[in-house]
Amino acid sequence: MKLRTIWTEKMRFTTKSSTHEVPMDAKRPIGEDAALNPKELVLAGLSGCTAMDVVALLRKYRQTAETFEVEAETTLTDKYPAVFQKVSLRYIVKGNVEAPKLIEAVTLSQTKFCGVSAMIAKAAPIEYVVELNGEEIQRGNAHF
């Protein structure tokens, strides 16, 4: 994996891989808040990584989700450098999905497959909630 981050103007940057690019900006008053900031991109990487795991596993299990979302939230430490103190994930799934299959998919993501979760969990605890058709069916913690 190789990326290049290029300063474009003010506090805006563009990070490029060989095939894609992602803008970044700092929050006001330092930047203009025109894009996700670096810590938001890390959190987005976490939610995207685990979301891809779970959707792939649900497909393997022949489960049909109508909608699938992962909400991710973190608190930062008060001291600099401000780092993730705790991360909370909420998997929100609607559709004809068997609860045990969904729980298994999320558990595998948060204990075996999601490399981003594994990296972040070394620095900050990750807790999660699984919601199926509006009902909470599981709570857990990432452990690798």
C-alpha atoms as a PDB file:
ATOM      1  CA  MET A   1       0.000   0.000   0.000  1.00  0.00           C
ATOM      2  CA  LYS A   2       1.366   3.398  -0.942  1.00  0.00           C
ATOM      3  CA  LEU A   3      -0.229   6.860  -0.818  1.00  0.00           C
ATOM      4  CA  ARG A   4       0.824  10.406  -1.474  1.00  0.00           C
ATOM      5  CA  THR A   5      -0.667  13.406   0.357  1.00  0.00           C
ATOM      6  CA  ILE A   6      -0.432  16.720  -1.485  1.00  0.00           C
ATOM      7  CA  TRP A   7      -1.086  20.158  -0.047  1.00  0.00           C
ATOM      8  CA  THR A   8      -3.549  21.984  -2.317  1.00  0.00           C
ATOM      9  CA  GLU A   9      -4.278  25.245  -0.462  1.00  0.00           C
ATOM     10  CA  LYS A  10      -4.769  26.664   3.038  1.00  0.00           C
ATOM     11  CA  MET A  11      -5.232  23.504   5.175  1.00  0.00           C
ATOM     12  CA  ARG A  12      -6.621  21.380   2.343  1.00  0.00           C
ATOM     13  CA  PHE A  13      -4.858  18.256   1.167  1.00  0.00           C
ATOM     14  CA  THR A  14      -5.569  15.504  -1.321  1.00  0.00           C
ATOM     15  CA  THR A  15      -4.386  11.981  -0.664  1.00  0.00           C
ATOM     16  CA  LYS A  16      -3.892   9.877  -3.772  1.00  0.00           C
ATOM     17  CA  SER A  17      -3.391   6.189  -4.333  1.00  0.00           C
ATOM     18  CA  SER A  18      -2.645   4.741  -7.733  1.00  0.00           C
ATOM     19  CA  THR A  19      -6.376   4.754  -8.577  1.00  0.00           C
ATOM     20  CA  HIS A  20      -8.278   7.052  -6.178  1.00  0.00           C
ATOM     21  CA  GLU A  21      -8.088  10.310  -4.275  1.00  0.00           C
ATOM     22  CA  VAL A  22      -9.606  11.647  -1.057  1.00  0.00           C
ATOM     23  CA  PRO A  23      -9.739  15.298   0.054  1.00  0.00           C
ATOM     24  CA  MET A  24      -8.924  16.386   3.623  1.00  0.00           C
ATOM     25  CA  ASP A  25      -9.293  19.644   5.505  1.00  0.00           C
ATOM     26  CA  ALA A  26      -8.928  20.878   9.061  1.00  0.00           C
ATOM     27  CA  LYS A  27     -11.826  22.051  11.195  1.00  0.00           C
ATOM     28  CA  ARG A  28     -12.479  25.757  11.639  1.00  0.00           C
ATOM     29  CA  PRO A  29     -10.804  28.056  12.593  1.00  0.00           C
ATOM     30  CA  ILE A  30      -7.601  26.405  11.337  1.00  0.00           C
ATOM     31  CA  GLY A  31      -9.173  25.129   8.119  1.00  0.00           C
ATOM     32  CA  GLU A  32     -12.471  25.609   6.337  1.00  0.00           C
ATOM     33  CA  ASP A  33     -14.041  22.240   7.244  1.00  0.00           C
ATOM     34  CA  ALA A  34     -14.464  21.487   3.520  1.00  0.00           C
ATOM     35  CA  ALA A  35     -13.744  17.752   3.851  1.00  0.00           C
ATOM     36  CA  LEU A  36     -13.218  15.063   6.447  1.00  0.00           C
ATOM     37  CA  ASN A  37     -10.252  15.667   8.726  1.00  0.00           C
ATOM     38  CA  PRO A  38      -7.564  13.002   9.263  1.00  0.00           C
ATOM     39  CA  LYS A  39      -9.089  11.557  12.460  1.00  0.00           C
ATOM     40  CA  GLU A  40     -12.507  11.355  10.793  1.00  0.00           C
ATOM     41  CA  LEU A  41     -10.871   9.456   7.934  1.00  0.00           C
ATOM     42  CA  VAL A  42      -9.395   6.981  10.419  1.00  0.00           C
ATOM     43  CA  LEU A  43     -12.857   6.497  11.948  1.00  0.00           C
ATOM     44  CA  ALA A  44     -14.314   6.159   8.431  1.00  0.00           C
ATOM     45  CA  GLY A  45     -11.682   3.527   7.675  1.00  0.00           C
ATOM     46  CA  LEU A  46     -12.766   1.591  10.750  1.00  0.00           C
ATOM     47  CA  SER A  47     -16.476   1.736   9.946  1.00  0.00           C
ATOM     48  CA  GLY A  48     -15.837   0.934   6.287  1.00  0.00           C
ATOM     49  CA  CYS A  49     -13.574  -2.019   7.082  1.00  0.00           C
ATOM     50  CA  THR A  50     -16.017  -3.671   9.461  1.00  0.00           C
ATOM     51  CA  ALA A  51     -18.995  -2.857   7.214  1.00  0.00           C
ATOM     52  CA  MET A  52     -17.301  -4.614   4.289  1.00  0.00           C
ATOM     53  CA  ASP A  53     -16.573  -7.654   6.469  1.00  0.00           C
ATOM     54  CA  VAL A  54     -20.142  -7.941   7.705  1.00  0.00           C
ATOM     55  CA  VAL A  55     -21.782  -7.425   4.300  1.00  0.00           C
ATOM     56  CA  ALA A  56     -19.441  -9.990   2.717  1.00  0.00           C
ATOM     57  CA  LEU A  57     -20.234 -12.513   5.456  1.00  0.00           C
ATOM     58  CA  LEU A  58     -23.980 -11.891   5.212  1.00  0.00           C
ATOM     59  CA  ARG A  59     -23.763 -12.570   1.464  1.00  0.00           C
ATOM     60  CA  LYS A  60     -21.830 -15.760   2.162  1.00  0.00           C
ATOM     61  CA  TYR A  61     -24.555 -16.773   4.649  1.00  0.00           C
ATOM     62  CA  ARG A  62     -27.211 -15.934   2.016  1.00  0.00           C
ATOM     63  CA  GLN A  63     -28.796 -13.278   4.212  1.00  0.00           C
ATOM     64  CA  THR A  64     -30.640 -10.397   2.553  1.00  0.00           C
ATOM     65  CA  ALA A  65     -30.257  -7.010   4.180  1.00  0.00           C
ATOM     66  CA  GLU A  66     -32.456  -4.248   2.767  1.00  0.00           C
ATOM     67  CA  THR A  67     -30.362  -1.584   4.477  1.00  0.00           C
ATOM     68  CA  PHE A  68     -27.063  -1.720   6.335  1.00  0.00           C
ATOM     69  CA  GLU A  69     -25.318   1.106   8.190  1.00  0.00           C
ATOM     70  CA  VAL A  70     -22.510   1.453  10.687  1.00  0.00           C
ATOM     71  CA  GLU A  71     -22.535   4.506  12.944  1.00  0.00           C
ATOM     72  CA  ALA A  72     -19.131   5.222  14.467  1.00  0.00           C
ATOM     73  CA  GLU A  73     -18.392   7.615  17.307  1.00  0.00           C
ATOM     74  CA  THR A  74     -15.269   8.308  19.304  1.00  0.00           C
ATOM     75  CA  THR A  75     -14.151  10.476  22.166  1.00  0.00           C
ATOM     76  CA  LEU A  76     -10.727  12.068  22.112  1.00  0.00           C
ATOM     77  CA  THR A  77      -8.279  12.456  24.967  1.00  0.00           C
ATOM     78  CA  ASP A  78      -7.928  15.930  26.472  1.00  0.00           C
ATOM     79  CA  LYS A  79      -4.133  16.014  26.214  1.00  0.00           C
ATOM     80  CA  TYR A  80      -2.104  16.404  23.043  1.00  0.00           C
ATOM     81  CA  PRO A  81      -1.719  14.559  20.933  1.00  0.00           C
ATOM     82  CA  ALA A  82      -5.497  14.053  21.103  1.00  0.00           C
ATOM     83  CA  VAL A  83      -6.104  10.389  20.297  1.00  0.00           C
ATOM     84  CA  PHE A  84      -9.107   8.068  20.336  1.00  0.00           C
ATOM     85  CA  GLN A  85     -10.077   7.320  23.924  1.00  0.00           C
ATOM     86  CA  LYS A  86     -12.955   4.934  23.160  1.00  0.00           C
ATOM     87  CA  VAL A  87     -14.808   3.961  19.984  1.00  0.00           C
ATOM     88  CA  SER A  88     -18.484   3.013  19.771  1.00  0.00           C
ATOM     89  CA  LEU A  89     -19.950   1.263  16.734  1.00  0.00           C
ATOM     90  CA  ARG A  90     -23.629   0.678  16.015  1.00  0.00           C
ATOM     91  CA  TYR A  91     -24.556  -1.761  13.257  1.00  0.00           C
ATOM     92  CA  ILE A  92     -28.054  -0.926  11.989  1.00  0.00           C
ATOM     93  CA  VAL A  93     -29.534  -3.626   9.767  1.00  0.00           C
ATOM     94  CA  LYS A  94     -32.997  -3.972   8.295  1.00  0.00           C
ATOM     95  CA  GLY A  95     -34.303  -6.860   6.271  1.00  0.00           C
ATOM     96  CA  ASN A  96     -34.823 -10.594   6.251  1.00  0.00           C
ATOM     97  CA  VAL A  97     -31.672 -11.440   8.200  1.00  0.00           C
ATOM     98  CA  GLU A  98     -31.351 -14.192  10.795  1.00  0.00           C
ATOM     99  CA  ALA A  99     -30.157 -12.665  14.081  1.00  0.00           C
ATOM    100  CA  PRO A 100     -27.596 -15.423  14.837  1.00  0.00           C
ATOM    101  CA  LYS A 101     -26.017 -14.991  11.390  1.00  0.00           C
ATOM    102  CA  LEU A 102     -25.746 -11.223  11.837  1.00  0.00           C
ATOM    103  CA  ILE A 103     -24.265 -11.608  15.322  1.00  0.00           C
ATOM    104  CA  GLU A 104     -21.740 -14.123  13.987  1.00  0.00           C
ATOM    105  CA  ALA A 105     -20.742 -11.806  11.131  1.00  0.00           C
ATOM    106  CA  VAL A 106     -20.198  -8.820  13.435  1.00  0.00           C
ATOM    107  CA  THR A 107     -18.347 -10.927  16.006  1.00  0.00           C
ATOM    108  CA  LEU A 108     -16.005 -12.337  13.356  1.00  0.00           C
ATOM    109  CA  SER A 109     -15.319  -8.840  12.060  1.00  0.00           C
ATOM    110  CA  GLN A 110     -14.510  -7.549  15.544  1.00  0.00           C
ATOM    111  CA  THR A 111     -12.406 -10.525  16.652  1.00  0.00           C
ATOM    112  CA  LYS A 112     -10.743 -11.865  13.517  1.00  0.00           C
ATOM    113  CA  PHE A 113     -11.123 -10.034  10.197  1.00  0.00           C
ATOM    114  CA  CYS A 114     -11.149  -6.225  10.464  1.00  0.00           C
ATOM    115  CA  GLY A 115      -7.531  -5.098  10.357  1.00  0.00           C
ATOM    116  CA  VAL A 116      -8.447  -1.486  11.085  1.00  0.00           C
ATOM    117  CA  SER A 117     -10.321  -2.559  14.228  1.00  0.00           C
ATOM    118  CA  ALA A 118      -7.326  -4.660  15.259  1.00  0.00           C
ATOM    119  CA  MET A 119      -5.005  -1.648  14.926  1.00  0.00           C
ATOM    120  CA  ILE A 120      -7.280   0.810  16.723  1.00  0.00           C
ATOM    121  CA  ALA A 121      -8.133  -1.687  19.489  1.00  0.00           C
ATOM    122  CA  LYS A 122      -4.451  -1.662  20.483  1.00  0.00           C
ATOM    123  CA  ALA A 123      -4.859   1.997  21.468  1.00  0.00           C
ATOM    124  CA  ALA A 124      -8.545   2.412  22.395  1.00  0.00           C
ATOM    125  CA  PRO A 125     -11.327   0.019  23.373  1.00  0.00           C
ATOM    126  CA  ILE A 126     -13.991  -0.599  20.728  1.00  0.00           C
ATOM    127  CA  GLU A 127     -17.517  -1.399  21.875  1.00  0.00           C
ATOM    128  CA  TYR A 128     -20.376  -2.259  19.570  1.00  0.00           C
ATOM    129  CA  VAL A 129     -24.134  -2.674  19.424  1.00  0.00           C
ATOM    130  CA  VAL A 130     -25.982  -4.693  16.787  1.00  0.00           C
ATOM    131  CA  GLU A 131     -29.503  -3.596  15.867  1.00  0.00           C
ATOM    132  CA  LEU A 132     -31.774  -5.670  13.623  1.00  0.00           C
ATOM    133  CA  ASN A 133     -35.107  -4.274  12.406  1.00  0.00           C
ATOM    134  CA  GLY A 134     -35.123  -1.663  15.180  1.00  0.00           C
ATOM    135  CA  GLU A 135     -34.293  -4.095  18.007  1.00  0.00           C
ATOM    136  CA  GLU A 136     -30.958  -4.331  19.807  1.00  0.00           C
ATOM    137  CA  ILE A 137     -29.818  -7.942  19.588  1.00  0.00           C
ATOM    138  CA  GLN A 138     -26.180  -7.864  20.738  1.00  0.00           C
ATOM    139  CA  ARG A 139     -23.562  -5.820  22.573  1.00  0.00           C
ATOM    140  CA  GLY A 140     -19.890  -6.628  22.532  1.00  0.00           C
ATOM    141  CA  ASN A 141     -16.295  -5.482  22.493  1.00  0.00           C
ATOM    142  CA  ALA A 142     -13.604  -5.929  19.889  1.00  0.00           C
ATOM    143  CA  HIS A 143     -10.784  -8.235  20.921  1.00  0.00           C
ATOM    144  CA  PHE A 144      -8.007  -9.542  18.730  1.00  0.00           C
END
